[in-house]
Amino acid sequence: MNSIKKNYDRWSDQYDSDGNPTRDLDQKATIKTLSKYEFDSVLELGCGTGKNTEWLLKNASIIMGLDFSQGMLDEATGKINSDKVTFKRSDINQDWDVNNNSFSLITCSLTLEHIENLDHIFLQAFKKLKETGKFFICELHPYKQYAGSKARYKTENGIEVLEVYAHHITEYLNCAKNAGLNLLELTEWFDHHNVDEIPRLISFVFEK
């Protein structure tokens, strides 16, 4: 995990500006999906530079953003100035230092490919959600992972590829079921709506 954190610290100052179709499609998927739901309190896992926080702010009265990269959090706090938002450095592989039964929505975007144990994530999400709260996940599609796609960024010495874990669709579904969460929707997201290609992203909405 230390190597992943260091890479995101290095990546942070160019994360919002470099060409990144995965990041951009995730933002579209997040907005399109969550526009169908009502929420007022949000826990953002892997909030990064706050790329989705800005939109969530239009709907929520309280947002807590967690990330293990101080570089990413520095970018987020420099961009978002609101008393509705709190950013906190945190490793979500550990127990989350937030109150149980506190959030109507938990989001997790482009984060779980760096997490080996998904059971822990789903169990923690169940504890922190209010009754009927939603857990939104948007990640690199397993098919993309099978084809060799990984998080990467440019450095002065070339391309840096991050350590990742491949998670099958059934793994997401089984971990959610074991934690007591019910699947509301599953969507595959394609580049330029081209369904003849491998989908880039997959998203889930689960409910407590």
C-alpha atoms as a PDB file:
ATOM      1  CA  MET A   1       0.000   0.000   0.000  1.00  0.00           C
ATOM      2  CA  ASN A   2       2.895   2.384   0.652  1.00  0.00           C
ATOM      3  CA  SER A   3       3.975   2.250  -2.997  1.00  0.00           C
ATOM      4  CA  ILE A   4       0.404   3.013  -4.126  1.00  0.00           C
ATOM      5  CA  LYS A   5       0.158   5.964  -1.727  1.00  0.00           C
ATOM      6  CA  LYS A   6       3.494   7.367  -2.892  1.00  0.00           C
ATOM      7  CA  ASN A   7       2.410   7.099  -6.509  1.00  0.00           C
ATOM      8  CA  TYR A   8      -0.837   8.972  -5.856  1.00  0.00           C
ATOM      9  CA  ASP A   9       1.119  11.651  -3.983  1.00  0.00           C
ATOM     10  CA  ARG A  10       3.304  12.080  -7.080  1.00  0.00           C
ATOM     11  CA  TRP A  11       0.322  11.918  -9.444  1.00  0.00           C
ATOM     12  CA  SER A  12      -1.792  14.409  -7.498  1.00  0.00           C
ATOM     13  CA  ASP A  13      -0.566  17.652  -9.087  1.00  0.00           C
ATOM     14  CA  GLN A  14      -1.423  16.447 -12.595  1.00  0.00           C
ATOM     15  CA  TYR A  15      -4.376  14.148 -11.858  1.00  0.00           C
ATOM     16  CA  ASP A  16      -7.043  16.686 -12.828  1.00  0.00           C
ATOM     17  CA  SER A  17      -5.261  17.967 -15.919  1.00  0.00           C
ATOM     18  CA  ASP A  18      -3.767  14.954 -17.698  1.00  0.00           C
ATOM     19  CA  GLY A  19      -5.665  13.039 -20.390  1.00  0.00           C
ATOM     20  CA  ASN A  20      -7.557  10.356 -18.486  1.00  0.00           C
ATOM     21  CA  PRO A  21     -10.637   8.774 -20.120  1.00  0.00           C
ATOM     22  CA  THR A  22     -11.217   6.535 -17.080  1.00  0.00           C
ATOM     23  CA  ARG A  23     -11.401   9.517 -14.716  1.00  0.00           C
ATOM     24  CA  ASP A  24     -13.657  11.440 -17.101  1.00  0.00           C
ATOM     25  CA  LEU A  25     -16.054   8.545 -17.692  1.00  0.00           C
ATOM     26  CA  ASP A  26     -16.246   7.897 -13.952  1.00  0.00           C
ATOM     27  CA  GLN A  27     -17.417  11.459 -13.384  1.00  0.00           C
ATOM     28  CA  LYS A  28     -20.138  11.071 -16.028  1.00  0.00           C
ATOM     29  CA  ALA A  29     -21.215   7.712 -14.580  1.00  0.00           C
ATOM     30  CA  THR A  30     -21.331   9.136 -11.065  1.00  0.00           C
ATOM     31  CA  ILE A  31     -23.513  12.086 -12.030  1.00  0.00           C
ATOM     32  CA  LYS A  32     -25.848  10.101 -14.281  1.00  0.00           C
ATOM     33  CA  THR A  33     -26.349   7.344 -11.684  1.00  0.00           C
ATOM     34  CA  LEU A  34     -26.644   9.387  -8.506  1.00  0.00           C
ATOM     35  CA  SER A  35     -28.944  11.985 -10.063  1.00  0.00           C
ATOM     36  CA  LYS A  36     -31.681   9.375  -9.644  1.00  0.00           C
ATOM     37  CA  TYR A  37     -31.299   9.226  -5.852  1.00  0.00           C
ATOM     38  CA  GLU A  38     -31.810  11.570  -2.924  1.00  0.00           C
ATOM     39  CA  PHE A  39     -29.075  11.899  -0.304  1.00  0.00           C
ATOM     40  CA  ASP A  40     -28.006  14.458   2.272  1.00  0.00           C
ATOM     41  CA  SER A  41     -24.991  12.964   4.040  1.00  0.00           C
ATOM     42  CA  VAL A  42     -22.142  11.456   2.012  1.00  0.00           C
ATOM     43  CA  LEU A  43     -19.024   9.456   2.819  1.00  0.00           C
ATOM     44  CA  GLU A  44     -16.602   9.551  -0.123  1.00  0.00           C
ATOM     45  CA  LEU A  45     -14.059   6.723  -0.121  1.00  0.00           C
ATOM     46  CA  GLY A  46     -10.944   7.532  -2.112  1.00  0.00           C
ATOM     47  CA  CYS A  47     -12.143  11.086  -2.681  1.00  0.00           C
ATOM     48  CA  GLY A  48      -8.868  12.015  -4.376  1.00  0.00           C
ATOM     49  CA  THR A  49      -8.714  15.598  -5.666  1.00  0.00           C
ATOM     50  CA  GLY A  50     -12.428  16.110  -5.040  1.00  0.00           C
ATOM     51  CA  LYS A  51     -13.405  15.632  -8.688  1.00  0.00           C
ATOM     52  CA  ASN A  52     -16.788  14.197  -7.678  1.00  0.00           C
ATOM     53  CA  THR A  53     -17.080  16.143  -4.423  1.00  0.00           C
ATOM     54  CA  GLU A  54     -17.935  19.336  -6.299  1.00  0.00           C
ATOM     55  CA  TRP A  55     -21.033  17.765  -7.831  1.00  0.00           C
ATOM     56  CA  LEU A  56     -22.051  15.938  -4.642  1.00  0.00           C
ATOM     57  CA  LEU A  57     -22.019  19.296  -2.860  1.00  0.00           C
ATOM     58  CA  LYS A  58     -24.969  20.417  -4.971  1.00  0.00           C
ATOM     59  CA  ASN A  59     -27.122  17.744  -3.332  1.00  0.00           C
ATOM     60  CA  ALA A  60     -25.643  16.990   0.096  1.00  0.00           C
ATOM     61  CA  SER A  61     -25.534  18.986   3.309  1.00  0.00           C
ATOM     62  CA  ILE A  62     -22.586  17.024   4.782  1.00  0.00           C
ATOM     63  CA  ILE A  63     -19.679  15.308   2.997  1.00  0.00           C
ATOM     64  CA  MET A  64     -16.770  13.448   4.564  1.00  0.00           C
ATOM     65  CA  GLY A  65     -13.993  12.638   2.092  1.00  0.00           C
ATOM     66  CA  LEU A  66     -11.443   9.938   2.954  1.00  0.00           C
ATOM     67  CA  ASP A  67      -8.180   9.306   1.106  1.00  0.00           C
ATOM     68  CA  PHE A  68      -4.814   7.857   2.049  1.00  0.00           C
ATOM     69  CA  SER A  69      -2.842  10.248  -0.198  1.00  0.00           C
ATOM     70  CA  GLN A  70      -1.976  13.577   1.390  1.00  0.00           C
ATOM     71  CA  GLY A  71      -1.095  14.928  -2.045  1.00  0.00           C
ATOM     72  CA  MET A  72      -4.581  14.188  -3.338  1.00  0.00           C
ATOM     73  CA  LEU A  73      -6.171  15.698  -0.216  1.00  0.00           C
ATOM     74  CA  ASP A  74      -4.080  18.860  -0.601  1.00  0.00           C
ATOM     75  CA  GLU A  75      -5.449  19.264  -4.130  1.00  0.00           C
ATOM     76  CA  ALA A  76      -9.004  18.711  -2.884  1.00  0.00           C
ATOM     77  CA  THR A  77      -8.772  21.210  -0.024  1.00  0.00           C
ATOM     78  CA  GLY A  78      -7.218  23.789  -2.335  1.00  0.00           C
ATOM     79  CA  LYS A  79     -10.098  23.431  -4.766  1.00  0.00           C
ATOM     80  CA  ILE A  80     -13.117  23.066  -2.473  1.00  0.00           C
ATOM     81  CA  ASN A  81     -13.874  25.631   0.201  1.00  0.00           C
ATOM     82  CA  SER A  82     -17.094  24.717   1.988  1.00  0.00           C
ATOM     83  CA  ASP A  83     -18.082  24.199   5.601  1.00  0.00           C
ATOM     84  CA  LYS A  84     -20.181  21.269   4.384  1.00  0.00           C
ATOM     85  CA  VAL A  85     -17.066  19.263   3.470  1.00  0.00           C
ATOM     86  CA  THR A  86     -14.405  17.646   5.636  1.00  0.00           C
ATOM     87  CA  PHE A  87     -11.419  15.863   4.138  1.00  0.00           C
ATOM     88  CA  LYS A  88      -9.528  13.328   6.209  1.00  0.00           C
ATOM     89  CA  ARG A  89      -6.459  11.218   5.599  1.00  0.00           C
ATOM     90  CA  SER A  90      -7.464   7.603   6.152  1.00  0.00           C
ATOM     91  CA  ASP A  91      -6.604   4.064   5.076  1.00  0.00           C
ATOM     92  CA  ILE A  92      -9.913   2.356   4.306  1.00  0.00           C
ATOM     93  CA  ASN A  93      -8.245  -1.039   4.765  1.00  0.00           C
ATOM     94  CA  GLN A  94      -8.552  -0.226   8.488  1.00  0.00           C
ATOM     95  CA  ASP A  95     -11.781   0.449  10.418  1.00  0.00           C
ATOM     96  CA  TRP A  96     -13.247   3.756   9.251  1.00  0.00           C
ATOM     97  CA  ASP A  97     -13.101   6.466  11.906  1.00  0.00           C
ATOM     98  CA  VAL A  98     -16.642   7.762  11.336  1.00  0.00           C
ATOM     99  CA  ASN A  99     -19.865   7.124  13.232  1.00  0.00           C
ATOM    100  CA  ASN A 100     -22.033   4.114  12.461  1.00  0.00           C
ATOM    101  CA  ASN A 101     -25.461   4.602  10.824  1.00  0.00           C
ATOM    102  CA  SER A 102     -24.481   8.116   9.753  1.00  0.00           C
ATOM    103  CA  PHE A 103     -24.586   8.372   5.948  1.00  0.00           C
ATOM    104  CA  SER A 104     -27.371   8.204   3.388  1.00  0.00           C
ATOM    105  CA  LEU A 105     -24.785   7.644   0.626  1.00  0.00           C
ATOM    106  CA  ILE A 106     -21.308   6.133   0.446  1.00  0.00           C
ATOM    107  CA  THR A 107     -19.395   6.501  -2.814  1.00  0.00           C
ATOM    108  CA  CYS A 108     -16.285   4.687  -3.997  1.00  0.00           C
ATOM    109  CA  SER A 109     -14.797   5.567  -7.379  1.00  0.00           C
ATOM    110  CA  LEU A 110     -11.648   4.094  -8.977  1.00  0.00           C
ATOM    111  CA  THR A 111     -10.421   2.954  -5.581  1.00  0.00           C
ATOM    112  CA  LEU A 112     -11.171  -0.731  -5.073  1.00  0.00           C
ATOM    113  CA  GLU A 113      -8.650  -1.893  -7.675  1.00  0.00           C
ATOM    114  CA  HIS A 114      -6.075  -0.946  -5.009  1.00  0.00           C
ATOM    115  CA  ILE A 115      -7.863  -2.861  -2.242  1.00  0.00           C
ATOM    116  CA  GLU A 116      -7.220  -6.583  -1.848  1.00  0.00           C
ATOM    117  CA  ASN A 117      -9.910  -7.458   0.722  1.00  0.00           C
ATOM    118  CA  LEU A 118     -13.326  -6.309  -0.485  1.00  0.00           C
ATOM    119  CA  ASP A 119     -15.173  -8.031   2.372  1.00  0.00           C
ATOM    120  CA  HIS A 120     -13.825  -5.447   4.801  1.00  0.00           C
ATOM    121  CA  ILE A 121     -15.008  -2.567   2.603  1.00  0.00           C
ATOM    122  CA  PHE A 122     -18.554  -3.892   2.303  1.00  0.00           C
ATOM    123  CA  LEU A 123     -18.839  -4.738   5.992  1.00  0.00           C
ATOM    124  CA  GLN A 124     -17.675  -1.257   6.951  1.00  0.00           C
ATOM    125  CA  ALA A 125     -20.052   0.317   4.446  1.00  0.00           C
ATOM    126  CA  PHE A 126     -22.990  -1.564   5.946  1.00  0.00           C
ATOM    127  CA  LYS A 127     -22.089  -0.286   9.425  1.00  0.00           C
ATOM    128  CA  LYS A 128     -21.718   3.344   8.378  1.00  0.00           C
ATOM    129  CA  LEU A 129     -24.866   3.575   6.235  1.00  0.00           C
ATOM    130  CA  LYS A 130     -28.230   4.658   7.569  1.00  0.00           C
ATOM    131  CA  GLU A 131     -31.171   2.327   6.991  1.00  0.00           C
ATOM    132  CA  THR A 132     -32.010   2.349   3.236  1.00  0.00           C
ATOM    133  CA  GLY A 133     -28.699   4.164   2.600  1.00  0.00           C
ATOM    134  CA  LYS A 134     -27.002   3.611  -0.765  1.00  0.00           C
ATOM    135  CA  PHE A 135     -23.494   2.370  -1.566  1.00  0.00           C
ATOM    136  CA  PHE A 136     -22.346   3.519  -5.025  1.00  0.00           C
ATOM    137  CA  ILE A 137     -19.264   1.892  -6.563  1.00  0.00           C
ATOM    138  CA  CYS A 138     -17.681   2.773  -9.922  1.00  0.00           C
ATOM    139  CA  GLU A 139     -14.530   0.900 -10.899  1.00  0.00           C
ATOM    140  CA  LEU A 140     -12.442  -0.169 -13.854  1.00  0.00           C
ATOM    141  CA  HIS A 141     -14.352  -3.020 -15.473  1.00  0.00           C
ATOM    142  CA  PRO A 142     -12.918  -6.486 -14.770  1.00  0.00           C
ATOM    143  CA  TYR A 143     -12.795  -7.101 -18.527  1.00  0.00           C
ATOM    144  CA  LYS A 144     -10.426  -4.141 -18.846  1.00  0.00           C
ATOM    145  CA  GLN A 145      -8.332  -5.581 -16.044  1.00  0.00           C
ATOM    146  CA  TYR A 146      -8.218  -8.988 -17.719  1.00  0.00           C
ATOM    147  CA  ALA A 147      -6.944  -7.227 -20.861  1.00  0.00           C
ATOM    148  CA  GLY A 148      -4.086  -5.713 -18.846  1.00  0.00           C
ATOM    149  CA  SER A 149      -5.391  -2.215 -18.118  1.00  0.00           C
ATOM    150  CA  LYS A 150      -4.061  -0.665 -14.890  1.00  0.00           C
ATOM    151  CA  ALA A 151      -3.982   2.769 -13.284  1.00  0.00           C
ATOM    152  CA  ARG A 152      -0.989   4.660 -14.685  1.00  0.00           C
ATOM    153  CA  TYR A 153       0.386   8.156 -15.074  1.00  0.00           C
ATOM    154  CA  LYS A 154       3.204   9.961 -16.870  1.00  0.00           C
ATOM    155  CA  THR A 155       6.451  10.938 -15.184  1.00  0.00           C
ATOM    156  CA  GLU A 156       9.599  12.557 -16.519  1.00  0.00           C
ATOM    157  CA  ASN A 157      11.085   9.056 -16.633  1.00  0.00           C
ATOM    158  CA  GLY A 158       8.175   7.442 -18.497  1.00  0.00           C
ATOM    159  CA  ILE A 159       4.925   5.742 -17.521  1.00  0.00           C
ATOM    160  CA  GLU A 160       4.443   4.668 -13.897  1.00  0.00           C
ATOM    161  CA  VAL A 161       2.046   1.727 -13.458  1.00  0.00           C
ATOM    162  CA  LEU A 162       0.365   1.266 -10.096  1.00  0.00           C
ATOM    163  CA  GLU A 163      -0.140  -1.967  -8.166  1.00  0.00           C
ATOM    164  CA  VAL A 164      -3.706  -3.246  -8.597  1.00  0.00           C
ATOM    165  CA  TYR A 165      -5.956  -6.201  -7.769  1.00  0.00           C
ATOM    166  CA  ALA A 166      -8.459  -7.664 -10.219  1.00  0.00           C
ATOM    167  CA  HIS A 167     -11.951  -8.158  -8.769  1.00  0.00           C
ATOM    168  CA  HIS A 168     -14.542 -10.273 -10.582  1.00  0.00           C
ATOM    169  CA  ILE A 169     -18.148  -9.127 -10.859  1.00  0.00           C
ATOM    170  CA  THR A 170     -19.241 -12.070  -8.719  1.00  0.00           C
ATOM    171  CA  GLU A 171     -16.795 -10.952  -6.021  1.00  0.00           C
ATOM    172  CA  TYR A 172     -18.496  -7.564  -5.728  1.00  0.00           C
ATOM    173  CA  LEU A 173     -21.928  -9.194  -5.632  1.00  0.00           C
ATOM    174  CA  ASN A 174     -20.993 -11.890  -3.116  1.00  0.00           C
ATOM    175  CA  CYS A 175     -19.215  -9.464  -0.772  1.00  0.00           C
ATOM    176  CA  ALA A 176     -22.247  -7.176  -0.821  1.00  0.00           C
ATOM    177  CA  LYS A 177     -24.623 -10.060  -0.131  1.00  0.00           C
ATOM    178  CA  ASN A 178     -22.465 -11.329   2.728  1.00  0.00           C
ATOM    179  CA  ALA A 179     -22.473  -7.856   4.273  1.00  0.00           C
ATOM    180  CA  GLY A 180     -26.255  -7.571   4.069  1.00  0.00           C
ATOM    181  CA  LEU A 181     -26.469  -5.131   1.154  1.00  0.00           C
ATOM    182  CA  ASN A 182     -28.978  -5.530  -1.700  1.00  0.00           C
ATOM    183  CA  LEU A 183     -28.181  -4.805  -5.337  1.00  0.00           C
ATOM    184  CA  LEU A 184     -30.322  -2.052  -6.880  1.00  0.00           C
ATOM    185  CA  GLU A 185     -28.530  -1.617 -10.180  1.00  0.00           C
ATOM    186  CA  LEU A 186     -25.483  -2.688 -12.162  1.00  0.00           C
ATOM    187  CA  THR A 187     -24.325  -0.724 -15.214  1.00  0.00           C
ATOM    188  CA  GLU A 188     -21.492  -1.147 -17.702  1.00  0.00           C
ATOM    189  CA  TRP A 189     -19.999   2.036 -19.154  1.00  0.00           C
ATOM    190  CA  PHE A 190     -18.463   2.206 -22.621  1.00  0.00           C
ATOM    191  CA  ASP A 191     -16.225   4.750 -24.334  1.00  0.00           C
ATOM    192  CA  HIS A 192     -18.342   6.902 -26.653  1.00  0.00           C
ATOM    193  CA  HIS A 193     -21.290   4.522 -26.074  1.00  0.00           C
ATOM    194  CA  ASN A 194     -19.522   1.955 -28.288  1.00  0.00           C
ATOM    195  CA  VAL A 195     -21.018  -1.321 -27.046  1.00  0.00           C
ATOM    196  CA  ASP A 196     -18.933  -3.310 -29.541  1.00  0.00           C
ATOM    197  CA  GLU A 197     -15.827  -2.660 -27.436  1.00  0.00           C
ATOM    198  CA  ILE A 198     -14.844  -3.839 -23.962  1.00  0.00           C
ATOM    199  CA  PRO A 199     -16.647  -1.703 -21.364  1.00  0.00           C
ATOM    200  CA  ARG A 200     -14.298   0.650 -19.542  1.00  0.00           C
ATOM    201  CA  LEU A 201     -16.143   0.899 -16.222  1.00  0.00           C
ATOM    202  CA  ILE A 202     -18.671  -0.964 -14.138  1.00  0.00           C
ATOM    203  CA  SER A 203     -20.881   0.597 -11.482  1.00  0.00           C
ATOM    204  CA  PHE A 204     -23.123  -0.784  -8.749  1.00  0.00           C
ATOM    205  CA  VAL A 205     -25.693   0.711  -6.430  1.00  0.00           C
ATOM    206  CA  PHE A 206     -26.369  -1.301  -3.283  1.00  0.00           C
ATOM    207  CA  GLU A 207     -28.864  -0.529  -0.520  1.00  0.00           C
ATOM    208  CA  LYS A 208     -28.797  -1.290   3.191  1.00  0.00           C
END
